[in-house]
């Protein structure tokens, strides 16, 4: 395996000073827009919650109870009857 890494200190964009500043400005802007339009958002809140249900169903099926292996991959216990 070849794990070649750059020896330089090149950071991803979101960890750079400019990236952090832009993310902070975006969060502040989203906060003020949400605060200004809270009346509109509160009217849409029930619909947004209903929209979350199918999204959570599609992306939230990672709770460990599902196994998608073939029956041949699982060991069989012949003593069980």
PDB file of N, CA and C in Angstrom:
ATOM      1  N   UNK A   1       0.831  -1.178   0.000  1.00  0.00           N
ATOM      2  CA  UNK A   1       0.000   0.000   0.000  1.00  0.00           C
ATOM      3  C   UNK A   1       0.875   1.240   0.000  1.00  0.00           C
ATOM      4  N   UNK A   2       0.504   2.169  -0.785  1.00  0.00           N
ATOM      5  CA  UNK A   2       1.258   3.411  -0.860  1.00  0.00           C
ATOM      6  C   UNK A   2       0.434   4.519  -0.232  1.00  0.00           C
ATOM      7  N   UNK A   3       0.855   4.952   0.939  1.00  0.00           N
ATOM      8  CA  UNK A   3       0.152   6.020   1.640  1.00  0.00           C
ATOM      9  C   UNK A   3       0.987   7.291   1.540  1.00  0.00           C
ATOM     10  N   UNK A   4       1.022   7.879   0.386  1.00  0.00           N
ATOM     11  CA  UNK A   4       1.812   9.093   0.220  1.00  0.00           C
ATOM     12  C   UNK A   4       0.980  10.299   0.638  1.00  0.00           C
ATOM     13  N   UNK A   5       1.549  11.087   1.504  1.00  0.00           N
ATOM     14  CA  UNK A   5       0.902  12.292   1.994  1.00  0.00           C
ATOM     15  C   UNK A   5       1.786  13.481   1.655  1.00  0.00           C
ATOM     16  N   UNK A   6       1.154  14.605   1.459  1.00  0.00           N
ATOM     17  CA  UNK A   6       1.925  15.817   1.238  1.00  0.00           C
ATOM     18  C   UNK A   6       2.562  16.238   2.550  1.00  0.00           C
ATOM     19  N   UNK A   7       3.840  16.561   2.510  1.00  0.00           N
ATOM     20  CA  UNK A   7       4.512  16.978   3.727  1.00  0.00           C
ATOM     21  C   UNK A   7       4.172  18.418   4.071  1.00  0.00           C
ATOM     22  N   UNK A   8       3.561  19.142   3.137  1.00  0.00           N
ATOM     23  CA  UNK A   8       3.161  20.520   3.398  1.00  0.00           C
ATOM     24  C   UNK A   8       1.959  20.578   4.310  1.00  0.00           C
ATOM     25  N   UNK A   9       1.640  21.768   4.742  1.00  0.00           N
ATOM     26  CA  UNK A   9       0.517  21.940   5.659  1.00  0.00           C
ATOM     27  C   UNK A   9      -0.702  22.467   4.900  1.00  0.00           C
ATOM     28  N   UNK A  10      -1.026  21.831   3.797  1.00  0.00           N
ATOM     29  CA  UNK A  10      -2.164  22.256   2.997  1.00  0.00           C
ATOM     30  C   UNK A  10      -3.453  21.740   3.630  1.00  0.00           C
ATOM     31  N   UNK A  11      -4.309  22.670   4.083  1.00  0.00           N
ATOM     32  CA  UNK A  11      -5.551  22.330   4.760  1.00  0.00           C
ATOM     33  C   UNK A  11      -6.702  22.286   3.773  1.00  0.00           C
ATOM     34  N   UNK A  12      -7.750  21.533   4.086  1.00  0.00           N
ATOM     35  CA  UNK A  12      -8.962  21.617   3.267  1.00  0.00           C
ATOM     36  C   UNK A  12      -9.546  23.028   3.358  1.00  0.00           C
ATOM     37  N   UNK A  13     -10.375  23.372   2.384  1.00  0.00           N
ATOM     38  CA  UNK A  13     -10.904  24.743   2.317  1.00  0.00           C
ATOM     39  C   UNK A  13     -11.655  25.126   3.579  1.00  0.00           C
ATOM     40  N   UNK A  14     -12.477  24.218   4.089  1.00  0.00           N
ATOM     41  CA  UNK A  14     -13.309  24.574   5.239  1.00  0.00           C
ATOM     42  C   UNK A  14     -12.520  24.705   6.526  1.00  0.00           C
ATOM     43  N   UNK A  15     -11.248  24.288   6.533  1.00  0.00           N
ATOM     44  CA  UNK A  15     -10.396  24.478   7.707  1.00  0.00           C
ATOM     45  C   UNK A  15      -9.461  25.666   7.567  1.00  0.00           C
ATOM     46  N   UNK A  16      -9.438  26.280   6.390  1.00  0.00           N
ATOM     47  CA  UNK A  16      -8.582  27.448   6.198  1.00  0.00           C
ATOM     48  C   UNK A  16      -9.231  28.668   6.822  1.00  0.00           C
ATOM     49  N   UNK A  17      -8.464  29.740   6.974  1.00  0.00           N
ATOM     50  CA  UNK A  17      -8.984  30.957   7.592  1.00  0.00           C
ATOM     51  C   UNK A  17     -10.127  31.552   6.773  1.00  0.00           C
ATOM     52  N   UNK A  18      -9.983  31.554   5.474  1.00  0.00           N
ATOM     53  CA  UNK A  18     -11.036  32.097   4.608  1.00  0.00           C
ATOM     54  C   UNK A  18     -12.275  31.213   4.669  1.00  0.00           C
ATOM     55  N   UNK A  19     -12.103  29.905   4.670  1.00  0.00           N
ATOM     56  CA  UNK A  19     -13.235  28.985   4.762  1.00  0.00           C
ATOM     57  C   UNK A  19     -14.003  29.149   6.061  1.00  0.00           C
ATOM     58  N   UNK A  20     -13.281  29.269   7.172  1.00  0.00           N
ATOM     59  CA  UNK A  20     -13.937  29.458   8.469  1.00  0.00           C
ATOM     60  C   UNK A  20     -14.693  30.776   8.492  1.00  0.00           C
ATOM     61  N   UNK A  21     -14.092  31.830   7.936  1.00  0.00           N
ATOM     62  CA  UNK A  21     -14.762  33.130   7.905  1.00  0.00           C
ATOM     63  C   UNK A  21     -16.025  33.072   7.049  1.00  0.00           C
ATOM     64  N   UNK A  22     -15.974  32.398   5.910  1.00  0.00           N
ATOM     65  CA  UNK A  22     -17.155  32.290   5.054  1.00  0.00           C
ATOM     66  C   UNK A  22     -18.253  31.449   5.705  1.00  0.00           C
ATOM     67  N   UNK A  23     -17.872  30.385   6.395  1.00  0.00           N
ATOM     68  CA  UNK A  23     -18.856  29.559   7.093  1.00  0.00           C
ATOM     69  C   UNK A  23     -19.517  30.366   8.209  1.00  0.00           C
ATOM     70  N   UNK A  24     -18.729  31.145   8.944  1.00  0.00           N
ATOM     71  CA  UNK A  24     -19.299  31.976  10.008  1.00  0.00           C
ATOM     72  C   UNK A  24     -20.253  33.020   9.437  1.00  0.00           C
ATOM     73  N   UNK A  25     -19.880  33.657   8.333  1.00  0.00           N
ATOM     74  CA  UNK A  25     -20.766  34.639   7.704  1.00  0.00           C
ATOM     75  C   UNK A  25     -22.054  33.981   7.211  1.00  0.00           C
ATOM     76  N   UNK A  26     -21.951  32.775   6.679  1.00  0.00           N
ATOM     77  CA  UNK A  26     -23.145  32.066   6.208  1.00  0.00           C
ATOM     78  C   UNK A  26     -24.066  31.722   7.376  1.00  0.00           C
ATOM     79  N   UNK A  27     -23.503  31.279   8.499  1.00  0.00           N
ATOM     80  CA  UNK A  27     -24.316  30.944   9.671  1.00  0.00           C
ATOM     81  C   UNK A  27     -24.997  32.192  10.215  1.00  0.00           C
ATOM     82  N   UNK A  28     -24.274  33.303  10.291  1.00  0.00           N
ATOM     83  CA  UNK A  28     -24.867  34.553  10.769  1.00  0.00           C
ATOM     84  C   UNK A  28     -25.971  34.999   9.821  1.00  0.00           C
ATOM     85  N   UNK A  29     -25.737  34.903   8.512  1.00  0.00           N
ATOM     86  CA  UNK A  29     -26.763  35.288   7.539  1.00  0.00           C
ATOM     87  C   UNK A  29     -27.995  34.414   7.639  1.00  0.00           C
ATOM     88  N   UNK A  30     -27.810  33.118   7.786  1.00  0.00           N
ATOM     89  CA  UNK A  30     -28.952  32.200   7.920  1.00  0.00           C
ATOM     90  C   UNK A  30     -29.724  32.511   9.200  1.00  0.00           C
ATOM     91  N   UNK A  31     -29.009  32.838  10.284  1.00  0.00           N
ATOM     92  CA  UNK A  31     -29.675  33.181  11.535  1.00  0.00           C
ATOM     93  C   UNK A  31     -30.554  34.415  11.372  1.00  0.00           C
ATOM     94  N   UNK A  32     -30.024  35.468  10.755  1.00  0.00           N
ATOM     95  CA  UNK A  32     -30.807  36.690  10.605  1.00  0.00           C
ATOM     96  C   UNK A  32     -31.970  36.513   9.638  1.00  0.00           C
ATOM     97  N   UNK A  33     -31.794  35.760   8.583  1.00  0.00           N
ATOM     98  CA  UNK A  33     -32.907  35.509   7.652  1.00  0.00           C
ATOM     99  C   UNK A  33     -33.985  34.680   8.348  1.00  0.00           C
ATOM    100  N   UNK A  34     -33.574  33.672   9.108  1.00  0.00           N
ATOM    101  CA  UNK A  34     -34.550  32.842   9.823  1.00  0.00           C
ATOM    102  C   UNK A  34     -35.276  33.660  10.888  1.00  0.00           C
ATOM    103  N   UNK A  35     -34.554  34.546  11.557  1.00  0.00           N
ATOM    104  CA  UNK A  35     -35.182  35.370  12.593  1.00  0.00           C
ATOM    105  C   UNK A  35     -36.164  36.361  11.975  1.00  0.00           C
ATOM    106  N   UNK A  36     -35.816  36.919  10.844  1.00  0.00           N
ATOM    107  CA  UNK A  36     -36.677  37.907  10.187  1.00  0.00           C
ATOM    108  C   UNK A  36     -37.945  37.259   9.626  1.00  0.00           C
ATOM    109  N   UNK A  37     -37.816  36.025   9.169  1.00  0.00           N
ATOM    110  CA  UNK A  37     -38.935  35.349   8.517  1.00  0.00           C
ATOM    111  C   UNK A  37     -39.486  34.210   9.375  1.00  0.00           C
ATOM    112  N   UNK A  38     -39.403  34.351  10.704  1.00  0.00           N
ATOM    113  CA  UNK A  38     -39.851  33.288  11.597  1.00  0.00           C
ATOM    114  C   UNK A  38     -41.342  33.004  11.432  1.00  0.00           C
ATOM    115  N   UNK A  39     -42.128  34.033  11.158  1.00  0.00           N
ATOM    116  CA  UNK A  39     -43.561  33.842  10.965  1.00  0.00           C
ATOM    117  C   UNK A  39     -43.859  32.926   9.798  1.00  0.00           C
ATOM    118  N   UNK A  40     -43.108  33.100   8.711  1.00  0.00           N
ATOM    119  CA  UNK A  40     -43.291  32.232   7.550  1.00  0.00           C
ATOM    120  C   UNK A  40     -42.801  30.813   7.840  1.00  0.00           C
ATOM    121  N   UNK A  41     -41.675  30.718   8.534  1.00  0.00           N
ATOM    122  CA  UNK A  41     -41.117  29.401   8.836  1.00  0.00           C
ATOM    123  C   UNK A  41     -41.994  28.627   9.809  1.00  0.00           C
ATOM    124  N   UNK A  42     -42.607  29.327  10.776  1.00  0.00           N
ATOM    125  CA  UNK A  42     -43.441  28.619  11.742  1.00  0.00           C
ATOM    126  C   UNK A  42     -44.703  28.057  11.080  1.00  0.00           C
ATOM    127  N   UNK A  43     -45.178  28.704  10.010  1.00  0.00           N
ATOM    128  CA  UNK A  43     -46.332  28.174   9.293  1.00  0.00           C
ATOM    129  C   UNK A  43     -45.971  26.924   8.500  1.00  0.00           C
ATOM    130  N   UNK A  44     -44.725  26.837   8.044  1.00  0.00           N
ATOM    131  CA  UNK A  44     -44.290  25.693   7.247  1.00  0.00           C
ATOM    132  C   UNK A  44     -43.729  24.564   8.099  1.00  0.00           C
ATOM    133  N   UNK A  45     -43.582  24.781   9.403  1.00  0.00           N
ATOM    134  CA  UNK A  45     -42.954  23.785  10.273  1.00  0.00           C
ATOM    135  C   UNK A  45     -43.655  22.429  10.269  1.00  0.00           C
ATOM    136  N   UNK A  46     -44.996  22.348  10.321  1.00  0.00           N
ATOM    137  CA  UNK A  46     -45.625  21.014  10.268  1.00  0.00           C
ATOM    138  C   UNK A  46     -45.316  20.260   8.983  1.00  0.00           C
ATOM    139  N   UNK A  47     -45.258  20.975   7.877  1.00  0.00           N
ATOM    140  CA  UNK A  47     -44.939  20.325   6.602  1.00  0.00           C
ATOM    141  C   UNK A  47     -43.481  19.879   6.554  1.00  0.00           C
ATOM    142  N   UNK A  48     -42.596  20.658   7.162  1.00  0.00           N
ATOM    143  CA  UNK A  48     -41.192  20.267   7.202  1.00  0.00           C
ATOM    144  C   UNK A  48     -40.992  19.024   8.066  1.00  0.00           C
ATOM    145  N   UNK A  49     -41.751  18.928   9.149  1.00  0.00           N
ATOM    146  CA  UNK A  49     -41.664  17.732  10.002  1.00  0.00           C
ATOM    147  C   UNK A  49     -42.176  16.511   9.235  1.00  0.00           C
ATOM    148  N   UNK A  50     -43.278  16.689   8.503  1.00  0.00           N
ATOM    149  CA  UNK A  50     -43.781  15.572   7.694  1.00  0.00           C
ATOM    150  C   UNK A  50     -42.798  15.188   6.595  1.00  0.00           C
ATOM    151  N   UNK A  51     -42.074  16.153   6.067  1.00  0.00           N
ATOM    152  CA  UNK A  51     -41.067  15.871   5.042  1.00  0.00           C
ATOM    153  C   UNK A  51     -39.892  15.096   5.627  1.00  0.00           C
ATOM    154  N   UNK A  52     -39.624  15.287   6.910  1.00  0.00           N
ATOM    155  CA  UNK A  52     -38.526  14.562   7.546  1.00  0.00           C
ATOM    156  C   UNK A  52     -38.800  13.067   7.656  1.00  0.00           C
ATOM    157  N   UNK A  53     -40.066  12.681   7.762  1.00  0.00           N
ATOM    158  CA  UNK A  53     -40.401  11.261   7.940  1.00  0.00           C
ATOM    159  C   UNK A  53     -39.870  10.381   6.805  1.00  0.00           C
ATOM    160  N   UNK A  54     -40.173  10.674   5.522  1.00  0.00           N
ATOM    161  CA  UNK A  54     -39.613   9.812   4.475  1.00  0.00           C
ATOM    162  C   UNK A  54     -38.097   9.936   4.353  1.00  0.00           C
ATOM    163  N   UNK A  55     -37.545  11.118   4.662  1.00  0.00           N
ATOM    164  CA  UNK A  55     -36.095  11.263   4.590  1.00  0.00           C
ATOM    165  C   UNK A  55     -35.407  10.431   5.668  1.00  0.00           C
ATOM    166  N   UNK A  56     -35.978  10.423   6.871  1.00  0.00           N
ATOM    167  CA  UNK A  56     -35.410   9.597   7.932  1.00  0.00           C
ATOM    168  C   UNK A  56     -35.579   8.118   7.608  1.00  0.00           C
ATOM    169  N   UNK A  57     -36.664   7.765   6.939  1.00  0.00           N
ATOM    170  CA  UNK A  57     -36.868   6.376   6.561  1.00  0.00           C
ATOM    171  C   UNK A  57     -35.838   5.947   5.514  1.00  0.00           C
ATOM    172  N   UNK A  58     -35.544   6.823   4.569  1.00  0.00           N
ATOM    173  CA  UNK A  58     -34.596   6.476   3.508  1.00  0.00           C
ATOM    174  C   UNK A  58     -33.164   6.416   4.028  1.00  0.00           C
ATOM    175  N   UNK A  59     -32.777   7.366   4.864  1.00  0.00           N
ATOM    176  CA  UNK A  59     -31.382   7.468   5.275  1.00  0.00           C
ATOM    177  C   UNK A  59     -31.121   6.943   6.680  1.00  0.00           C
ATOM    178  N   UNK A  60     -32.140   6.548   7.410  1.00  0.00           N
ATOM    179  CA  UNK A  60     -31.941   6.151   8.787  1.00  0.00           C
ATOM    180  C   UNK A  60     -31.999   4.667   9.049  1.00  0.00           C
ATOM    181  N   UNK A  61     -31.841   3.833   8.035  1.00  0.00           N
ATOM    182  CA  UNK A  61     -31.920   2.384   8.221  1.00  0.00           C
ATOM    183  C   UNK A  61     -30.558   1.787   8.506  1.00  0.00           C
ATOM    184  N   UNK A  62     -29.826   2.395   9.390  1.00  0.00           N
ATOM    185  CA  UNK A  62     -28.516   1.875   9.758  1.00  0.00           C
ATOM    186  C   UNK A  62     -28.505   1.612  11.258  1.00  0.00           C
ATOM    187  N   UNK A  63     -29.451   0.811  11.726  1.00  0.00           N
ATOM    188  CA  UNK A  63     -29.512   0.552  13.151  1.00  0.00           C
ATOM    189  C   UNK A  63     -29.109  -0.861  13.499  1.00  0.00           C
ATOM    190  N   UNK A  64     -28.384  -1.532  12.637  1.00  0.00           N
ATOM    191  CA  UNK A  64     -27.742  -2.787  12.971  1.00  0.00           C
ATOM    192  C   UNK A  64     -28.613  -4.022  12.950  1.00  0.00           C
ATOM    193  N   UNK A  65     -29.906  -3.912  12.853  1.00  0.00           N
ATOM    194  CA  UNK A  65     -30.765  -5.074  12.888  1.00  0.00           C
ATOM    195  C   UNK A  65     -30.932  -5.742  11.545  1.00  0.00           C
ATOM    196  N   UNK A  66     -30.563  -5.086  10.497  1.00  0.00           N
ATOM    197  CA  UNK A  66     -30.743  -5.632   9.158  1.00  0.00           C
ATOM    198  C   UNK A  66     -29.438  -6.265   8.674  1.00  0.00           C
ATOM    199  N   UNK A  67     -29.556  -7.433   8.116  1.00  0.00           N
ATOM    200  CA  UNK A  67     -28.399  -8.114   7.561  1.00  0.00           C
ATOM    201  C   UNK A  67     -28.718  -8.483   6.124  1.00  0.00           C
ATOM    202  N   UNK A  68     -27.865  -8.056   5.203  1.00  0.00           N
ATOM    203  CA  UNK A  68     -28.088  -8.306   3.788  1.00  0.00           C
ATOM    204  C   UNK A  68     -27.095  -9.336   3.248  1.00  0.00           C
ATOM    205  N   UNK A  69     -26.679 -10.269   4.114  1.00  0.00           N
ATOM    206  CA  UNK A  69     -25.770 -11.327   3.674  1.00  0.00           C
ATOM    207  C   UNK A  69     -26.565 -12.505   3.147  1.00  0.00           C
ATOM    208  N   UNK A  70     -25.924 -13.307   2.338  1.00  0.00           N
ATOM    209  CA  UNK A  70     -26.548 -14.533   1.820  1.00  0.00           C
ATOM    210  C   UNK A  70     -26.607 -15.590   2.915  1.00  0.00           C
ATOM    211  N   UNK A  71     -27.497 -16.529   2.767  1.00  0.00           N
ATOM    212  CA  UNK A  71     -27.612 -17.615   3.741  1.00  0.00           C
ATOM    213  C   UNK A  71     -26.362 -18.484   3.738  1.00  0.00           C
ATOM    214  N   UNK A  72     -25.660 -18.564   2.619  1.00  0.00           N
ATOM    215  CA  UNK A  72     -24.446 -19.371   2.530  1.00  0.00           C
ATOM    216  C   UNK A  72     -23.298 -18.746   3.324  1.00  0.00           C
ATOM    217  N   UNK A  73     -23.351 -17.436   3.575  1.00  0.00           N
ATOM    218  CA  UNK A  73     -22.286 -16.757   4.296  1.00  0.00           C
ATOM    219  C   UNK A  73     -22.383 -16.952   5.801  1.00  0.00           C
ATOM    220  N   UNK A  74     -23.552 -17.307   6.306  1.00  0.00           N
ATOM    221  CA  UNK A  74     -23.732 -17.431   7.744  1.00  0.00           C
ATOM    222  C   UNK A  74     -23.448 -18.865   8.171  1.00  0.00           C
ATOM    223  N   UNK A  75     -22.771 -19.037   9.313  1.00  0.00           N
ATOM    224  CA  UNK A  75     -22.521 -20.406   9.780  1.00  0.00           C
ATOM    225  C   UNK A  75     -23.804 -21.017  10.304  1.00  0.00           C
ATOM    226  N   UNK A  76     -23.985 -22.310  10.027  1.00  0.00           N
ATOM    227  CA  UNK A  76     -25.196 -23.003  10.450  1.00  0.00           C
ATOM    228  C   UNK A  76     -24.877 -23.861  11.670  1.00  0.00           C
ATOM    229  N   UNK A  77     -25.799 -23.866  12.608  1.00  0.00           N
ATOM    230  CA  UNK A  77     -25.658 -24.670  13.810  1.00  0.00           C
ATOM    231  C   UNK A  77     -26.504 -25.932  13.627  1.00  0.00           C
ATOM    232  N   UNK A  78     -25.855 -27.092  13.420  1.00  0.00           N
ATOM    233  CA  UNK A  78     -26.579 -28.329  13.146  1.00  0.00           C
ATOM    234  C   UNK A  78     -27.194 -28.921  14.417  1.00  0.00           C
ATOM    235  N   UNK A  79     -26.751 -28.483  15.591  1.00  0.00           N
ATOM    236  CA  UNK A  79     -27.272 -29.030  16.836  1.00  0.00           C
ATOM    237  C   UNK A  79     -28.651 -28.445  17.181  1.00  0.00           C
ATOM    238  N   UNK A  80     -28.994 -27.359  16.572  1.00  0.00           N
ATOM    239  CA  UNK A  80     -30.283 -26.718  16.863  1.00  0.00           C
ATOM    240  C   UNK A  80     -31.386 -27.404  16.086  1.00  0.00           C
ATOM    241  N   UNK A  81     -32.486 -27.795  16.748  1.00  0.00           N
ATOM    242  CA  UNK A  81     -33.591 -28.468  16.051  1.00  0.00           C
ATOM    243  C   UNK A  81     -34.892 -27.903  16.448  1.00  0.00           C
TER     244      UNK A  81
END
